[in-house]
Amino acid sequence: MAATKACSVLITGANRGLGLEMVKQMMEAPQPVRQLFACCRDPEGPKAENLRNLAKKHPKIITVIRLDATDPCSIKESAQRVGSLLGKEGLNMLVNNAGVLAHGTIQTTSSEDMQSAFNTNVMGPMNIIKEFLPYLQTAAKASGKPGMSCSKAAVINISSALASMALVEASYSFFPAVSYRVSKAGLNMLTMCTVEEFKKDEILFANLHPGWVRTDMGGEGGEIDAPESVEGLLRVMKSLTEKQNGTFMDYKGSVLPF
């Protein structure tokens, strides 16, 4: 089982799919994280039951936090709560996993589809990074180590190969998903901007593609299941250094074209 080596981790969209699987595997690792903030839109709702049960098994490690990526007030409140629970060592790793996917071509994609995708897939991560930045900066300073890593201070943005402009021709005919593609390409650009802005803080930023996964979002036609994807993602996270700052990689560790 791969381990991230991070002491404190925050994951958005942690109530199902890849997010929930990340929480599971981090708890099953030989050296589990010391603090895991599992965030979702409705912690008390039926879709978060599995997450609540998992938190009950690990009450000293997992804290379930309400965070709606489309609501700036919710993000601010969640950051305040997390800040009150973090120690002086700050937050080592933030995983922007929450996302939405709507199928559609240029002709069938509505303005509402595009707005929803941008609100969740681009604006959400941007606002989350801004609110949690002080805790990441604290972790970077507290580490006392040179360079960059997920054990020091890192933001992992879950992107998609569908965001790659170089790969559109190969996949568009059977999976157009215009609003998803465009918003994830925007997320990739956001990552590159954060790389430049926070390089001096020694915070690592990376875009990771989980593969086409059989989840509620990916659908039953996915090529791999969530455990395989997450195991690969955690392995890649563990390997990241300043050399991969701003990288766009898949769950196998292969570099993808922007």
C-alpha atoms as a PDB file:
ATOM      1  CA  MET A   1       0.000   0.000   0.000  1.00  0.00           C
ATOM      2  CA  ALA A   2       1.438   3.365  -1.031  1.00  0.00           C
ATOM      3  CA  ALA A   3       1.880   6.086   1.583  1.00  0.00           C
ATOM      4  CA  THR A   4       2.151   9.835   1.022  1.00  0.00           C
ATOM      5  CA  LYS A   5       4.444  10.502   4.018  1.00  0.00           C
ATOM      6  CA  ALA A   6       2.359  13.617   4.730  1.00  0.00           C
ATOM      7  CA  CYS A   7       1.407  14.158   8.366  1.00  0.00           C
ATOM      8  CA  SER A   8      -1.707  16.227   7.669  1.00  0.00           C
ATOM      9  CA  VAL A   9      -3.911  15.954   4.590  1.00  0.00           C
ATOM     10  CA  LEU A  10      -7.135  17.582   3.394  1.00  0.00           C
ATOM     11  CA  ILE A  11      -9.225  15.990   0.635  1.00  0.00           C
ATOM     12  CA  THR A  12     -12.263  17.564  -1.010  1.00  0.00           C
ATOM     13  CA  GLY A  13     -15.070  15.429  -2.417  1.00  0.00           C
ATOM     14  CA  ALA A  14     -14.129  12.746   0.118  1.00  0.00           C
ATOM     15  CA  ASN A  15     -17.551  11.145   0.513  1.00  0.00           C
ATOM     16  CA  ARG A  16     -17.483   8.955  -2.598  1.00  0.00           C
ATOM     17  CA  GLY A  17     -15.457   7.733  -5.554  1.00  0.00           C
ATOM     18  CA  LEU A  18     -11.780   8.611  -5.650  1.00  0.00           C
ATOM     19  CA  GLY A  19     -11.975  10.867  -2.604  1.00  0.00           C
ATOM     20  CA  LEU A  20     -13.419   8.158  -0.370  1.00  0.00           C
ATOM     21  CA  GLU A  21     -10.932   5.627  -1.691  1.00  0.00           C
ATOM     22  CA  MET A  22      -8.063   8.009  -0.878  1.00  0.00           C
ATOM     23  CA  VAL A  23      -9.277   8.243   2.703  1.00  0.00           C
ATOM     24  CA  LYS A  24      -9.507   4.428   2.906  1.00  0.00           C
ATOM     25  CA  GLN A  25      -6.038   3.796   1.519  1.00  0.00           C
ATOM     26  CA  MET A  26      -4.415   6.472   3.646  1.00  0.00           C
ATOM     27  CA  MET A  27      -5.856   4.741   6.700  1.00  0.00           C
ATOM     28  CA  GLU A  28      -4.620   1.334   5.506  1.00  0.00           C
ATOM     29  CA  ALA A  29      -1.059   2.511   4.852  1.00  0.00           C
ATOM     30  CA  PRO A  30       1.744   1.141   7.089  1.00  0.00           C
ATOM     31  CA  GLN A  31       2.201   4.678   8.402  1.00  0.00           C
ATOM     32  CA  PRO A  32      -1.211   6.414   8.281  1.00  0.00           C
ATOM     33  CA  VAL A  33      -1.380  10.186   8.237  1.00  0.00           C
ATOM     34  CA  ARG A  34      -1.729  11.835  11.649  1.00  0.00           C
ATOM     35  CA  GLN A  35      -4.564  14.176  10.629  1.00  0.00           C
ATOM     36  CA  LEU A  36      -6.959  13.700   7.733  1.00  0.00           C
ATOM     37  CA  PHE A  37      -9.628  16.275   6.971  1.00  0.00           C
ATOM     38  CA  ALA A  38     -12.246  14.592   4.782  1.00  0.00           C
ATOM     39  CA  CYS A  39     -14.390  17.281   3.177  1.00  0.00           C
ATOM     40  CA  CYS A  40     -17.719  17.017   1.405  1.00  0.00           C
ATOM     41  CA  ARG A  41     -20.753  19.147   0.671  1.00  0.00           C
ATOM     42  CA  ASP A  42     -23.208  17.380   2.988  1.00  0.00           C
ATOM     43  CA  PRO A  43     -21.481  15.405   5.783  1.00  0.00           C
ATOM     44  CA  GLU A  44     -24.821  14.433   7.335  1.00  0.00           C
ATOM     45  CA  GLY A  45     -26.484  13.341   4.092  1.00  0.00           C
ATOM     46  CA  PRO A  46     -27.032   9.790   2.784  1.00  0.00           C
ATOM     47  CA  LYS A  47     -24.182  10.083   0.259  1.00  0.00           C
ATOM     48  CA  ALA A  48     -21.696  10.561   3.102  1.00  0.00           C
ATOM     49  CA  GLU A  49     -22.690   7.483   5.111  1.00  0.00           C
ATOM     50  CA  ASN A  50     -19.623   5.462   4.097  1.00  0.00           C
ATOM     51  CA  LEU A  51     -17.365   8.355   5.005  1.00  0.00           C
ATOM     52  CA  ARG A  52     -19.027   8.784   8.396  1.00  0.00           C
ATOM     53  CA  ASN A  53     -18.588   5.076   9.121  1.00  0.00           C
ATOM     54  CA  LEU A  54     -14.933   5.261   8.186  1.00  0.00           C
ATOM     55  CA  ALA A  55     -14.446   8.299  10.417  1.00  0.00           C
ATOM     56  CA  LYS A  56     -15.983   6.402  13.339  1.00  0.00           C
ATOM     57  CA  LYS A  57     -13.320   3.712  12.925  1.00  0.00           C
ATOM     58  CA  HIS A  58     -10.532   6.302  13.036  1.00  0.00           C
ATOM     59  CA  PRO A  59     -11.872   9.092  15.262  1.00  0.00           C
ATOM     60  CA  LYS A  60      -8.422  10.318  16.292  1.00  0.00           C
ATOM     61  CA  ILE A  61      -7.302  10.780  12.693  1.00  0.00           C
ATOM     62  CA  ILE A  62     -10.287  11.533  10.427  1.00  0.00           C
ATOM     63  CA  THR A  63     -12.292  14.723  10.847  1.00  0.00           C
ATOM     64  CA  VAL A  64     -15.247  15.136   8.483  1.00  0.00           C
ATOM     65  CA  ILE A  65     -15.592  18.767   7.387  1.00  0.00           C
ATOM     66  CA  ARG A  66     -18.424  20.463   5.517  1.00  0.00           C
ATOM     67  CA  LEU A  67     -17.002  22.138   2.418  1.00  0.00           C
ATOM     68  CA  ASP A  68     -18.983  23.138  -0.656  1.00  0.00           C
ATOM     69  CA  ALA A  69     -16.473  23.987  -3.383  1.00  0.00           C
ATOM     70  CA  THR A  70     -18.998  26.289  -5.070  1.00  0.00           C
ATOM     71  CA  ASP A  71     -19.640  28.357  -1.937  1.00  0.00           C
ATOM     72  CA  PRO A  72     -16.898  30.829  -0.870  1.00  0.00           C
ATOM     73  CA  CYS A  73     -18.470  31.205   2.579  1.00  0.00           C
ATOM     74  CA  SER A  74     -18.431  27.434   3.089  1.00  0.00           C
ATOM     75  CA  ILE A  75     -14.777  27.304   2.034  1.00  0.00           C
ATOM     76  CA  LYS A  76     -13.841  30.103   4.439  1.00  0.00           C
ATOM     77  CA  GLU A  77     -15.692  28.438   7.320  1.00  0.00           C
ATOM     78  CA  SER A  78     -14.049  25.083   6.621  1.00  0.00           C
ATOM     79  CA  ALA A  79     -10.612  26.710   6.567  1.00  0.00           C
ATOM     80  CA  GLN A  80     -11.290  28.346   9.930  1.00  0.00           C
ATOM     81  CA  ARG A  81     -12.343  25.010  11.412  1.00  0.00           C
ATOM     82  CA  VAL A  82      -9.356  23.152  10.012  1.00  0.00           C
ATOM     83  CA  GLY A  83      -7.065  25.929  11.220  1.00  0.00           C
ATOM     84  CA  SER A  84      -8.399  25.538  14.745  1.00  0.00           C
ATOM     85  CA  LEU A  85      -7.556  21.817  14.684  1.00  0.00           C
ATOM     86  CA  LEU A  86      -4.152  21.965  13.019  1.00  0.00           C
ATOM     87  CA  GLY A  87      -1.032  22.140  15.117  1.00  0.00           C
ATOM     88  CA  LYS A  88       1.935  24.427  14.616  1.00  0.00           C
ATOM     89  CA  GLU A  89       3.188  22.237  11.766  1.00  0.00           C
ATOM     90  CA  GLY A  90       0.423  23.350   9.400  1.00  0.00           C
ATOM     91  CA  LEU A  91      -1.166  21.445   6.504  1.00  0.00           C
ATOM     92  CA  ASN A  92       1.135  19.253   4.445  1.00  0.00           C
ATOM     93  CA  MET A  93      -1.117  18.306   1.553  1.00  0.00           C
ATOM     94  CA  LEU A  94      -4.318  19.618   0.006  1.00  0.00           C
ATOM     95  CA  VAL A  95      -6.043  17.443  -2.604  1.00  0.00           C
ATOM     96  CA  ASN A  96      -8.555  19.279  -4.781  1.00  0.00           C
ATOM     97  CA  ASN A  97     -10.600  16.249  -5.782  1.00  0.00           C
ATOM     98  CA  ALA A  98     -14.197  17.564  -5.845  1.00  0.00           C
ATOM     99  CA  GLY A  99     -15.452  17.972  -9.382  1.00  0.00           C
ATOM    100  CA  VAL A 100     -18.431  17.768 -11.743  1.00  0.00           C
ATOM    101  CA  LEU A 101     -18.748  16.248 -15.186  1.00  0.00           C
ATOM    102  CA  ALA A 102     -21.527  16.923 -17.688  1.00  0.00           C
ATOM    103  CA  HIS A 103     -21.615  15.146 -21.029  1.00  0.00           C
ATOM    104  CA  GLY A 104     -22.235  17.214 -24.123  1.00  0.00           C
ATOM    105  CA  THR A 105     -20.893  18.563 -27.401  1.00  0.00           C
ATOM    106  CA  ILE A 106     -20.540  22.238 -28.306  1.00  0.00           C
ATOM    107  CA  GLN A 107     -24.083  22.101 -29.677  1.00  0.00           C
ATOM    108  CA  THR A 108     -25.668  20.452 -26.643  1.00  0.00           C
ATOM    109  CA  THR A 109     -23.684  22.058 -23.816  1.00  0.00           C
ATOM    110  CA  SER A 110     -25.672  24.793 -22.112  1.00  0.00           C
ATOM    111  CA  SER A 111     -24.403  27.972 -20.507  1.00  0.00           C
ATOM    112  CA  GLU A 112     -25.516  26.495 -17.190  1.00  0.00           C
ATOM    113  CA  ASP A 113     -23.388  23.377 -17.800  1.00  0.00           C
ATOM    114  CA  MET A 114     -20.330  25.494 -18.506  1.00  0.00           C
ATOM    115  CA  GLN A 115     -20.931  27.782 -15.525  1.00  0.00           C
ATOM    116  CA  SER A 116     -21.415  24.827 -13.186  1.00  0.00           C
ATOM    117  CA  ALA A 117     -18.203  23.200 -14.414  1.00  0.00           C
ATOM    118  CA  PHE A 118     -16.193  26.379 -13.904  1.00  0.00           C
ATOM    119  CA  ASN A 119     -17.692  27.061 -10.490  1.00  0.00           C
ATOM    120  CA  THR A 120     -16.736  23.608  -9.199  1.00  0.00           C
ATOM    121  CA  ASN A 121     -13.672  22.644 -11.232  1.00  0.00           C
ATOM    122  CA  VAL A 122     -11.854  25.996 -11.430  1.00  0.00           C
ATOM    123  CA  MET A 123     -13.252  28.589  -9.031  1.00  0.00           C
ATOM    124  CA  GLY A 124     -13.599  25.996  -6.261  1.00  0.00           C
ATOM    125  CA  PRO A 125      -9.932  24.942  -6.268  1.00  0.00           C
ATOM    126  CA  MET A 126      -8.802  28.563  -6.609  1.00  0.00           C
ATOM    127  CA  ASN A 127     -10.805  29.705  -3.585  1.00  0.00           C
ATOM    128  CA  ILE A 128      -9.775  26.647  -1.588  1.00  0.00           C
ATOM    129  CA  ILE A 129      -6.090  27.272  -2.305  1.00  0.00           C
ATOM    130  CA  LYS A 130      -6.464  30.912  -1.255  1.00  0.00           C
ATOM    131  CA  GLU A 131      -8.162  30.071   2.055  1.00  0.00           C
ATOM    132  CA  PHE A 132      -5.838  27.210   3.015  1.00  0.00           C
ATOM    133  CA  LEU A 133      -2.643  28.886   1.795  1.00  0.00           C
ATOM    134  CA  PRO A 134      -1.584  30.146   5.260  1.00  0.00           C
ATOM    135  CA  TYR A 135      -1.594  26.578   6.614  1.00  0.00           C
ATOM    136  CA  LEU A 136       0.435  25.314   3.659  1.00  0.00           C
ATOM    137  CA  GLN A 137       2.927  28.150   4.136  1.00  0.00           C
ATOM    138  CA  THR A 138       3.184  27.252   7.821  1.00  0.00           C
ATOM    139  CA  ALA A 139       3.912  23.619   6.929  1.00  0.00           C
ATOM    140  CA  ALA A 140       6.589  24.615   4.416  1.00  0.00           C
ATOM    141  CA  LYS A 141       8.352  26.796   6.983  1.00  0.00           C
ATOM    142  CA  ALA A 142       7.978  24.252   9.797  1.00  0.00           C
ATOM    143  CA  SER A 143       9.506  21.388   7.809  1.00  0.00           C
ATOM    144  CA  GLY A 144      13.017  22.768   7.979  1.00  0.00           C
ATOM    145  CA  LYS A 145      13.826  20.783   4.821  1.00  0.00           C
ATOM    146  CA  PRO A 146      14.986  22.133   1.445  1.00  0.00           C
ATOM    147  CA  GLY A 147      13.146  21.403  -1.778  1.00  0.00           C
ATOM    148  CA  MET A 148       9.513  20.429  -2.321  1.00  0.00           C
ATOM    149  CA  SER A 149       7.434  17.337  -1.559  1.00  0.00           C
ATOM    150  CA  CYS A 150       4.009  16.161  -0.446  1.00  0.00           C
ATOM    151  CA  SER A 151       5.445  15.547   3.009  1.00  0.00           C
ATOM    152  CA  LYS A 152       6.368  19.244   3.222  1.00  0.00           C
ATOM    153  CA  ALA A 153       3.639  21.331   1.565  1.00  0.00           C
ATOM    154  CA  ALA A 154       1.744  20.462  -1.606  1.00  0.00           C
ATOM    155  CA  VAL A 155      -1.461  21.028  -3.555  1.00  0.00           C
ATOM    156  CA  ILE A 156      -2.592  18.158  -5.761  1.00  0.00           C
ATOM    157  CA  ASN A 157      -5.241  19.102  -8.307  1.00  0.00           C
ATOM    158  CA  ILE A 158      -7.117  16.116  -9.722  1.00  0.00           C
ATOM    159  CA  SER A 159      -7.262  16.931 -13.414  1.00  0.00           C
ATOM    160  CA  SER A 160      -7.938  14.762 -16.461  1.00  0.00           C
ATOM    161  CA  ALA A 161      -6.347  13.685 -19.712  1.00  0.00           C
ATOM    162  CA  LEU A 162      -9.487  15.160 -21.288  1.00  0.00           C
ATOM    163  CA  ALA A 163      -8.002  18.576 -20.440  1.00  0.00           C
ATOM    164  CA  SER A 164      -5.057  17.958 -22.764  1.00  0.00           C
ATOM    165  CA  MET A 165      -5.297  20.007 -25.957  1.00  0.00           C
ATOM    166  CA  ALA A 166      -2.824  17.655 -27.614  1.00  0.00           C
ATOM    167  CA  LEU A 167      -5.060  14.624 -26.977  1.00  0.00           C
ATOM    168  CA  VAL A 168      -8.462  16.013 -28.029  1.00  0.00           C
ATOM    169  CA  GLU A 169      -8.438  14.440 -31.496  1.00  0.00           C
ATOM    170  CA  ALA A 170      -7.954  10.956 -30.085  1.00  0.00           C
ATOM    171  CA  SER A 171     -10.880  11.049 -27.652  1.00  0.00           C
ATOM    172  CA  TYR A 172     -13.396  13.715 -28.609  1.00  0.00           C
ATOM    173  CA  SER A 173     -15.553  11.560 -30.878  1.00  0.00           C
ATOM    174  CA  PHE A 174     -16.532   9.124 -28.122  1.00  0.00           C
ATOM    175  CA  PHE A 175     -16.264  11.408 -25.063  1.00  0.00           C
ATOM    176  CA  PRO A 176     -16.821  15.082 -25.928  1.00  0.00           C
ATOM    177  CA  ALA A 177     -17.769  16.448 -22.439  1.00  0.00           C
ATOM    178  CA  VAL A 178     -16.985  19.991 -23.530  1.00  0.00           C
ATOM    179  CA  SER A 179     -17.646  21.782 -20.225  1.00  0.00           C
ATOM    180  CA  TYR A 180     -15.521  19.256 -18.331  1.00  0.00           C
ATOM    181  CA  ARG A 181     -12.642  19.438 -20.809  1.00  0.00           C
ATOM    182  CA  VAL A 182     -12.558  23.231 -20.870  1.00  0.00           C
ATOM    183  CA  SER A 183     -12.849  23.609 -17.091  1.00  0.00           C
ATOM    184  CA  LYS A 184     -10.126  21.034 -16.394  1.00  0.00           C
ATOM    185  CA  ALA A 185      -7.871  22.801 -18.903  1.00  0.00           C
ATOM    186  CA  GLY A 186      -8.577  25.930 -16.855  1.00  0.00           C
ATOM    187  CA  LEU A 187      -7.597  24.034 -13.704  1.00  0.00           C
ATOM    188  CA  ASN A 188      -4.296  23.078 -15.333  1.00  0.00           C
ATOM    189  CA  MET A 189      -3.612  26.738 -16.094  1.00  0.00           C
ATOM    190  CA  LEU A 190      -4.545  27.663 -12.528  1.00  0.00           C
ATOM    191  CA  THR A 191      -1.938  25.170 -11.333  1.00  0.00           C
ATOM    192  CA  MET A 192       0.749  26.728 -13.508  1.00  0.00           C
ATOM    193  CA  CYS A 193      -0.112  30.187 -12.170  1.00  0.00           C
ATOM    194  CA  THR A 194       0.137  28.971  -8.573  1.00  0.00           C
ATOM    195  CA  VAL A 195       3.509  27.410  -9.375  1.00  0.00           C
ATOM    196  CA  GLU A 196       4.879  30.815 -10.313  1.00  0.00           C
ATOM    197  CA  GLU A 197       3.170  32.752  -7.537  1.00  0.00           C
ATOM    198  CA  PHE A 198       4.108  30.459  -4.656  1.00  0.00           C
ATOM    199  CA  LYS A 199       7.470  29.127  -5.805  1.00  0.00           C
ATOM    200  CA  LYS A 200       9.168  31.247  -3.142  1.00  0.00           C
ATOM    201  CA  ASP A 201       7.064  29.532  -0.462  1.00  0.00           C
ATOM    202  CA  GLU A 202       8.373  26.116  -1.570  1.00  0.00           C
ATOM    203  CA  ILE A 203       4.848  24.732  -2.007  1.00  0.00           C
ATOM    204  CA  LEU A 204       4.575  21.981  -4.613  1.00  0.00           C
ATOM    205  CA  PHE A 205       1.698  22.050  -7.117  1.00  0.00           C
ATOM    206  CA  ALA A 206       0.764  19.237  -9.511  1.00  0.00           C
ATOM    207  CA  ASN A 207      -2.018  18.127 -11.853  1.00  0.00           C
ATOM    208  CA  LEU A 208      -2.771  14.401 -11.677  1.00  0.00           C
ATOM    209  CA  HIS A 209      -4.975  12.366 -14.016  1.00  0.00           C
ATOM    210  CA  PRO A 210      -6.553   9.395 -12.199  1.00  0.00           C
ATOM    211  CA  GLY A 211      -7.324   7.453 -15.349  1.00  0.00           C
ATOM    212  CA  TRP A 212     -10.778   6.595 -16.629  1.00  0.00           C
ATOM    213  CA  VAL A 213     -12.190   5.197 -13.406  1.00  0.00           C
ATOM    214  CA  ARG A 214     -15.367   3.233 -12.765  1.00  0.00           C
ATOM    215  CA  THR A 215     -17.043   5.667 -10.365  1.00  0.00           C
ATOM    216  CA  ASP A 216     -20.325   7.596 -10.332  1.00  0.00           C
ATOM    217  CA  MET A 217     -18.581  10.297 -12.339  1.00  0.00           C
ATOM    218  CA  GLY A 218     -16.545   8.091 -14.657  1.00  0.00           C
ATOM    219  CA  GLY A 219     -19.361   5.657 -15.353  1.00  0.00           C
ATOM    220  CA  GLU A 220     -19.461   1.874 -15.669  1.00  0.00           C
ATOM    221  CA  GLY A 221     -17.374   1.935 -18.848  1.00  0.00           C
ATOM    222  CA  GLY A 222     -14.238   3.042 -17.035  1.00  0.00           C
ATOM    223  CA  GLU A 223     -10.986   1.198 -17.692  1.00  0.00           C
ATOM    224  CA  ILE A 224      -9.896   0.778 -14.035  1.00  0.00           C
ATOM    225  CA  ASP A 225     -11.476   0.718 -10.594  1.00  0.00           C
ATOM    226  CA  ALA A 226     -10.984   3.263  -7.828  1.00  0.00           C
ATOM    227  CA  PRO A 227      -8.552   1.191  -5.698  1.00  0.00           C
ATOM    228  CA  GLU A 228      -6.135   0.752  -8.625  1.00  0.00           C
ATOM    229  CA  SER A 229      -6.338   4.437  -9.532  1.00  0.00           C
ATOM    230  CA  VAL A 230      -5.802   5.694  -5.996  1.00  0.00           C
ATOM    231  CA  GLU A 231      -2.961   3.298  -5.305  1.00  0.00           C
ATOM    232  CA  GLY A 232      -1.210   4.740  -8.348  1.00  0.00           C
ATOM    233  CA  LEU A 233      -2.040   8.331  -7.442  1.00  0.00           C
ATOM    234  CA  LEU A 234      -0.640   7.943  -3.918  1.00  0.00           C
ATOM    235  CA  ARG A 235       2.512   6.369  -5.306  1.00  0.00           C
ATOM    236  CA  VAL A 236       2.973   9.318  -7.675  1.00  0.00           C
ATOM    237  CA  MET A 237       2.304  11.842  -4.897  1.00  0.00           C
ATOM    238  CA  LYS A 238       4.962  10.201  -2.754  1.00  0.00           C
ATOM    239  CA  SER A 239       7.516  10.516  -5.577  1.00  0.00           C
ATOM    240  CA  LEU A 240       6.973  14.200  -6.390  1.00  0.00           C
ATOM    241  CA  THR A 241       9.811  16.689  -5.830  1.00  0.00           C
ATOM    242  CA  GLU A 242      10.600  20.230  -6.978  1.00  0.00           C
ATOM    243  CA  LYS A 243      11.564  18.687 -10.334  1.00  0.00           C
ATOM    244  CA  GLN A 244       7.888  17.886 -10.928  1.00  0.00           C
ATOM    245  CA  ASN A 245       6.501  21.197  -9.690  1.00  0.00           C
ATOM    246  CA  GLY A 246       3.691  22.093 -12.103  1.00  0.00           C
ATOM    247  CA  THR A 247       3.711  18.661 -13.725  1.00  0.00           C
ATOM    248  CA  PHE A 248       0.756  17.029 -15.485  1.00  0.00           C
ATOM    249  CA  MET A 249       0.985  13.273 -14.869  1.00  0.00           C
ATOM    250  CA  ASP A 250      -1.282  10.250 -14.810  1.00  0.00           C
ATOM    251  CA  TYR A 251      -1.709   7.704 -12.041  1.00  0.00           C
ATOM    252  CA  LYS A 252       1.063   5.561 -13.546  1.00  0.00           C
ATOM    253  CA  GLY A 253       3.578   8.401 -13.346  1.00  0.00           C
ATOM    254  CA  SER A 254       3.616   9.145 -17.081  1.00  0.00           C
ATOM    255  CA  VAL A 255       3.865  12.817 -18.083  1.00  0.00           C
ATOM    256  CA  LEU A 256       0.908  14.064 -20.130  1.00  0.00           C
ATOM    257  CA  PRO A 257       0.973  16.839 -22.738  1.00  0.00           C
ATOM    258  CA  PHE A 258      -0.866  20.043 -21.873  1.00  0.00           C
END
